[in-house]
Amino acid sequence: MLHGVTLPPFYEWSDPRVVTELAREADDAGWDGFFLWDHVTWDPAWGGTPPIADPWLCLAAAAMVTSRVRLGPLVTPLVRRRPQKVAREVATLDHLSGGRAVFGVGLGTDYDYQAFGEPLGARGARLDEALDVLEGLLTGEAVDHDGPHLQVHSPPSLPRPVQERVPIWVGGWWPNPAPFVRAARFDGVVPGKVGHEQGAELTVDDLAAIRVTVGRTDGYDYVVSGRTDSPTDTEALHAWADAGATWWIEALHPFMGQADAMRARLRAGPPRP
């Protein structure tokens, strides 16, 4: 099982220089991945209106100071983006990092849409269509797509990424089935649990059911996240690894004055069962 960190570029970590330092520290500490949240605003109902940095610019800077960690967003709401722009960002990040990009994608949160008048309807269908377009553009071949939401007639989008295929990880809230059926088409799944706002947590049994729904074992990534206290806090990770998780993502949050403690956890390195 590989080990990464995910963090929001919010509050003390909204300074892109700090995020770049965090990426370098993650690389030095032995983590295998460094992933950023992708938001354009924050729901005041969650408490406050934090300063927020752009994740893609921070990931580009991180690529220049790291040599081994995988880099990407967890997750980008592709529906509120243009797939041609995101494809160019993914390919550029892959070149900057020497082939270390991962593209995490999902529907996103309602408030990121509503605050700017973006439509919420048919997000699943629009995401599927945008992913088809993005996949085509990343091949470096011409793309002709006529769908209900997107009409694309593009010459080859070059240069193509360094990797033969940039891994696409699809996020979703279990037990909603649609995101996991979608995820089966791609390279990995990043599940959360419905009711997480009220403290619901994904379980090992949930992961077993997700693996049945996705139905993939051919090098496919099952990405779970949570918190450990130290590199020696590995007991729970044995169960996740036995259940088929291929990545453990340490969730680091600078909220409520925790930035220093979370940075210390990052510097301590990953838990390795």
Protein backbone atom coordinates (compact mmCIF):
# COMPACT_ATOMS: atom_id res chain seq x y z
CA MET A 1 0.00 0.00 0.00
CA LEU A 2 1.26 3.47 -0.94
CA HIS A 3 0.91 6.52 1.29
CA GLY A 4 0.05 10.10 0.42
CA VAL A 5 -1.16 13.28 2.05
CA THR A 6 -4.09 15.46 1.10
CA LEU A 7 -4.61 18.99 2.34
CA PRO A 8 -6.64 22.11 1.57
CA PRO A 9 -4.62 25.15 0.50
CA PHE A 10 -6.63 27.18 3.04
CA TYR A 11 -5.88 29.48 5.97
CA GLU A 12 -2.15 29.31 6.87
CA TRP A 13 -1.69 27.05 3.87
CA SER A 14 -3.20 29.49 1.39
CA ASP A 15 0.27 30.91 0.82
CA PRO A 16 1.56 29.06 -2.27
CA ARG A 17 5.11 29.30 -0.95
CA VAL A 18 4.05 27.38 2.15
CA VAL A 19 2.28 24.74 0.05
CA THR A 20 5.44 24.36 -2.03
CA GLU A 21 7.47 23.87 1.15
CA LEU A 22 4.96 21.28 2.35
CA ALA A 23 5.32 19.38 -0.92
CA ARG A 24 9.10 19.32 -0.60
CA GLU A 25 8.82 18.16 3.02
CA ALA A 26 6.40 15.39 1.99
CA ASP A 27 8.85 14.26 -0.68
CA ASP A 28 11.75 14.26 1.79
CA ALA A 29 9.74 12.45 4.47
CA GLY A 30 8.97 9.47 2.23
CA TRP A 31 5.33 10.03 1.32
CA ASP A 32 4.33 8.65 -2.09
CA GLY A 33 1.74 11.31 -3.03
CA PHE A 34 0.91 14.96 -2.40
CA PHE A 35 -2.67 15.96 -3.24
CA LEU A 36 -4.62 19.21 -2.89
CA TRP A 37 -8.29 20.06 -2.49
CA ASP A 38 -9.80 22.04 -5.37
CA HIS A 39 -12.27 24.73 -4.26
CA VAL A 40 -12.98 28.22 -5.52
CA THR A 41 -14.91 29.32 -2.43
CA TRP A 42 -16.12 27.96 0.91
CA ASP A 43 -19.57 27.53 2.39
CA PRO A 44 -19.92 30.02 5.27
CA ALA A 45 -22.16 27.46 7.00
CA TRP A 46 -19.00 25.38 7.52
CA GLY A 47 -17.47 28.23 9.49
CA GLY A 48 -15.69 31.33 8.24
CA THR A 49 -14.50 32.31 4.79
CA PRO A 50 -10.88 31.17 4.61
CA PRO A 51 -8.28 32.49 2.19
CA ILE A 52 -7.79 29.87 -0.55
CA ALA A 53 -4.92 29.31 -3.00
CA ASP A 54 -5.33 27.89 -6.48
CA PRO A 55 -4.44 24.18 -6.33
CA TRP A 56 -3.19 23.86 -9.89
CA LEU A 57 -0.66 26.66 -9.56
CA CYS A 58 0.47 25.18 -6.23
CA LEU A 59 0.84 21.73 -7.83
CA ALA A 60 2.95 23.22 -10.62
CA ALA A 61 5.23 24.80 -8.03
CA ALA A 62 5.33 21.52 -6.10
CA ALA A 63 6.44 19.67 -9.21
CA MET A 64 9.52 21.85 -9.41
CA VAL A 65 10.74 21.08 -5.87
CA THR A 66 9.92 17.35 -5.64
CA SER A 67 11.31 14.28 -7.33
CA ARG A 68 9.23 11.29 -6.30
CA VAL A 69 5.73 12.10 -4.95
CA ARG A 70 2.72 11.71 -7.21
CA LEU A 71 0.90 15.03 -7.59
CA GLY A 72 -2.69 15.96 -8.32
CA PRO A 73 -6.02 17.33 -7.14
CA LEU A 74 -8.33 15.36 -4.87
CA VAL A 75 -10.66 16.18 -6.42
CA THR A 76 -11.31 18.60 -9.28
CA PRO A 77 -15.01 19.20 -10.07
CA LEU A 78 -14.64 18.85 -13.82
CA VAL A 79 -18.23 19.92 -14.50
CA ARG A 80 -17.50 23.50 -13.43
CA ARG A 81 -14.38 23.54 -15.62
CA ARG A 82 -13.73 23.30 -19.34
CA PRO A 83 -12.26 19.89 -20.20
CA GLN A 84 -9.91 21.37 -22.79
CA LYS A 85 -8.37 23.66 -20.17
CA VAL A 86 -8.09 20.88 -17.61
CA ALA A 87 -6.51 18.55 -20.17
CA ARG A 88 -3.84 21.15 -20.82
CA GLU A 89 -3.25 21.58 -17.08
CA VAL A 90 -2.95 17.81 -16.55
CA ALA A 91 -0.51 17.40 -19.43
CA THR A 92 1.57 20.38 -18.30
CA LEU A 93 1.72 19.10 -14.71
CA ASP A 94 2.79 15.70 -16.02
CA HIS A 95 5.64 17.30 -17.97
CA LEU A 96 6.72 19.51 -15.07
CA SER A 97 6.82 16.51 -12.74
CA GLY A 98 8.43 14.10 -15.15
CA GLY A 99 5.38 11.85 -15.35
CA ARG A 100 4.03 11.99 -11.78
CA ALA A 101 0.57 13.50 -12.32
CA VAL A 102 -2.63 11.91 -11.05
CA PHE A 103 -6.01 13.39 -11.94
CA GLY A 104 -8.59 13.13 -9.16
CA VAL A 105 -12.09 14.05 -10.33
CA GLY A 106 -15.57 14.29 -8.86
CA LEU A 107 -18.83 16.20 -8.90
CA GLY A 108 -17.75 18.79 -6.35
CA THR A 109 -19.71 20.59 -3.68
CA ASP A 110 -22.90 22.53 -4.32
CA TYR A 111 -21.65 25.83 -2.91
CA ASP A 112 -18.76 26.03 -5.41
CA TYR A 113 -21.41 26.06 -8.14
CA GLN A 114 -24.11 28.12 -6.48
CA ALA A 115 -21.86 30.99 -5.43
CA PHE A 116 -21.13 31.74 -9.09
CA GLY A 117 -24.46 30.85 -10.69
CA GLU A 118 -23.23 27.54 -12.13
CA PRO A 119 -26.03 25.04 -12.88
CA LEU A 120 -26.33 21.98 -10.65
CA GLY A 121 -28.56 19.89 -12.92
CA ALA A 122 -27.43 16.70 -14.67
CA ARG A 123 -23.99 16.87 -13.09
CA GLY A 124 -23.41 13.14 -13.43
CA ALA A 125 -24.19 13.09 -17.15
CA ARG A 126 -22.16 16.24 -17.71
CA LEU A 127 -19.21 14.75 -15.82
CA ASP A 128 -19.30 11.57 -17.91
CA GLU A 129 -19.29 13.60 -21.09
CA ALA A 130 -16.49 15.90 -19.93
CA LEU A 131 -14.39 12.88 -18.95
CA ASP A 132 -14.85 11.41 -22.43
CA VAL A 133 -13.59 14.64 -23.96
CA LEU A 134 -10.71 14.99 -21.52
CA GLU A 135 -9.57 11.40 -22.11
CA GLY A 136 -9.61 12.00 -25.84
CA LEU A 137 -7.59 15.20 -25.57
CA LEU A 138 -4.97 13.53 -23.37
CA THR A 139 -4.28 10.95 -26.08
CA GLY A 140 -2.82 13.68 -28.27
CA GLU A 141 -5.21 12.69 -31.06
CA ALA A 142 -7.89 14.77 -32.78
CA VAL A 143 -11.21 14.75 -30.89
CA ASP A 144 -14.66 14.85 -32.45
CA HIS A 145 -17.47 14.75 -29.93
CA ASP A 146 -21.09 15.75 -30.36
CA GLY A 147 -23.02 15.31 -27.14
CA PRO A 148 -25.94 16.91 -25.36
CA HIS A 149 -23.66 19.17 -23.32
CA LEU A 150 -20.38 19.43 -25.25
CA GLN A 151 -19.55 19.79 -28.92
CA VAL A 152 -15.84 19.40 -29.54
CA HIS A 153 -14.00 19.29 -32.85
CA SER A 154 -10.38 19.72 -31.90
CA PRO A 155 -7.10 19.05 -33.65
CA PRO A 156 -4.54 17.03 -31.67
CA SER A 157 -3.85 18.55 -28.25
CA LEU A 158 -0.05 18.49 -27.97
CA PRO A 159 2.20 17.70 -26.30
CA ARG A 160 0.54 14.65 -24.85
CA PRO A 161 1.46 13.73 -21.25
CA VAL A 162 4.72 12.02 -20.41
CA GLN A 163 2.85 9.01 -19.04
CA GLU A 164 1.20 6.66 -21.48
CA ARG A 165 -1.89 7.22 -19.37
CA VAL A 166 -2.29 9.70 -16.54
CA PRO A 167 -4.21 7.83 -13.82
CA ILE A 168 -7.76 9.11 -13.33
CA TRP A 169 -9.20 8.56 -9.85
CA VAL A 170 -12.94 9.13 -9.42
CA GLY A 171 -14.35 10.35 -6.12
CA GLY A 172 -17.78 9.48 -4.79
CA TRP A 173 -19.89 9.09 -1.67
CA TRP A 174 -20.74 5.54 -0.72
CA PRO A 175 -23.34 3.96 -0.91
CA ASN A 176 -24.51 6.11 -3.85
CA PRO A 177 -23.91 3.67 -6.73
CA ALA A 178 -23.42 6.02 -9.70
CA PRO A 179 -19.91 7.33 -8.86
CA PHE A 180 -18.62 3.79 -8.39
CA VAL A 181 -20.05 2.57 -11.67
CA ARG A 182 -18.36 5.61 -13.26
CA ALA A 183 -15.10 4.89 -11.45
CA ALA A 184 -14.93 1.39 -12.93
CA ARG A 185 -14.18 2.96 -16.32
CA PHE A 186 -11.01 4.62 -15.08
CA ASP A 187 -7.95 3.90 -12.93
CA GLY A 188 -8.98 4.31 -9.32
CA VAL A 189 -11.69 5.30 -6.88
CA VAL A 190 -11.57 7.67 -3.91
CA PRO A 191 -14.57 6.85 -1.73
CA GLY A 192 -16.09 8.83 1.10
CA LYS A 193 -19.16 8.04 3.19
CA VAL A 194 -22.58 9.64 2.89
CA GLY A 195 -23.18 11.51 6.13
CA HIS A 196 -19.53 12.39 6.64
CA GLU A 197 -20.60 15.88 7.74
CA GLN A 198 -22.26 14.22 10.73
CA GLY A 199 -19.27 12.01 11.45
CA ALA A 200 -20.02 8.95 9.30
CA GLU A 201 -16.80 7.17 8.33
CA LEU A 202 -15.99 4.68 5.60
CA THR A 203 -15.40 1.17 6.95
CA VAL A 204 -13.44 -1.85 5.80
CA ASP A 205 -16.76 -3.55 5.02
CA ASP A 206 -17.72 -0.56 2.87
CA LEU A 207 -14.49 -0.98 0.91
CA ALA A 208 -15.28 -4.64 0.35
CA ALA A 209 -18.67 -3.67 -1.08
CA ILE A 210 -17.11 -0.94 -3.20
CA ARG A 211 -14.66 -3.45 -4.67
CA VAL A 212 -17.59 -5.64 -5.68
CA THR A 213 -19.40 -2.69 -7.28
CA VAL A 214 -16.33 -1.48 -9.16
CA GLY A 215 -15.25 -5.00 -10.04
CA ARG A 216 -11.62 -4.16 -10.85
CA THR A 217 -8.43 -5.79 -9.60
CA ASP A 218 -6.09 -5.27 -12.58
CA GLY A 219 -3.72 -2.72 -11.08
CA TYR A 220 -6.69 -0.61 -10.08
CA ASP A 221 -6.33 1.86 -7.19
CA TYR A 222 -8.62 1.81 -4.17
CA VAL A 223 -7.79 5.00 -2.27
CA VAL A 224 -8.86 5.45 1.36
CA SER A 225 -8.12 8.32 3.69
CA GLY A 226 -8.05 9.16 7.36
CA ARG A 227 -5.74 10.21 10.17
CA THR A 228 -2.90 8.51 12.00
CA ASP A 229 -1.07 9.94 14.98
CA SER A 230 2.45 8.93 13.95
CA PRO A 231 4.43 6.68 11.60
CA THR A 232 4.03 3.87 14.14
CA ASP A 233 0.22 4.16 14.29
CA THR A 234 -0.35 1.36 11.81
CA GLU A 235 -2.88 -1.03 13.35
CA ALA A 236 -5.89 0.16 11.34
CA LEU A 237 -3.87 0.24 8.13
CA HIS A 238 -3.34 -3.53 8.22
CA ALA A 239 -7.10 -4.00 7.93
CA TRP A 240 -7.36 -1.55 5.02
CA ALA A 241 -4.50 -3.22 3.18
CA ASP A 242 -6.02 -6.66 3.75
CA ALA A 243 -9.33 -5.34 2.38
CA GLY A 244 -7.63 -4.27 -0.86
CA ALA A 245 -6.77 -0.60 -0.35
CA THR A 246 -3.81 0.35 -2.54
CA TRP A 247 -3.34 3.90 -1.17
CA TRP A 248 -3.66 5.40 2.29
CA ILE A 249 -4.13 9.18 2.15
CA GLU A 250 -3.37 11.06 5.36
CA ALA A 251 -5.90 13.88 5.71
CA LEU A 252 -4.14 17.00 7.02
CA HIS A 253 -6.32 19.97 8.00
CA PRO A 254 -5.01 23.37 9.09
CA PHE A 255 -8.39 24.24 10.62
CA MET A 256 -8.87 25.50 14.20
CA GLY A 257 -5.21 26.22 14.81
CA GLN A 258 -3.98 22.78 13.75
CA ALA A 259 -1.58 23.90 11.01
CA ASP A 260 1.58 23.37 13.09
CA ALA A 261 0.51 19.94 14.34
CA MET A 262 -0.53 18.84 10.87
CA ARG A 263 2.78 20.00 9.40
CA ALA A 264 4.65 18.07 12.08
CA ARG A 265 2.66 14.96 11.15
CA LEU A 266 3.62 15.42 7.48
CA ARG A 267 7.30 15.80 8.38
CA ALA A 268 7.21 12.62 10.49
CA GLY A 269 6.51 10.52 7.42
CA PRO A 270 4.01 7.85 6.45
CA PRO A 271 2.71 4.97 8.56
CA ARG A 272 3.87 1.73 6.98
CA PRO A 273 2.18 -1.47 8.21
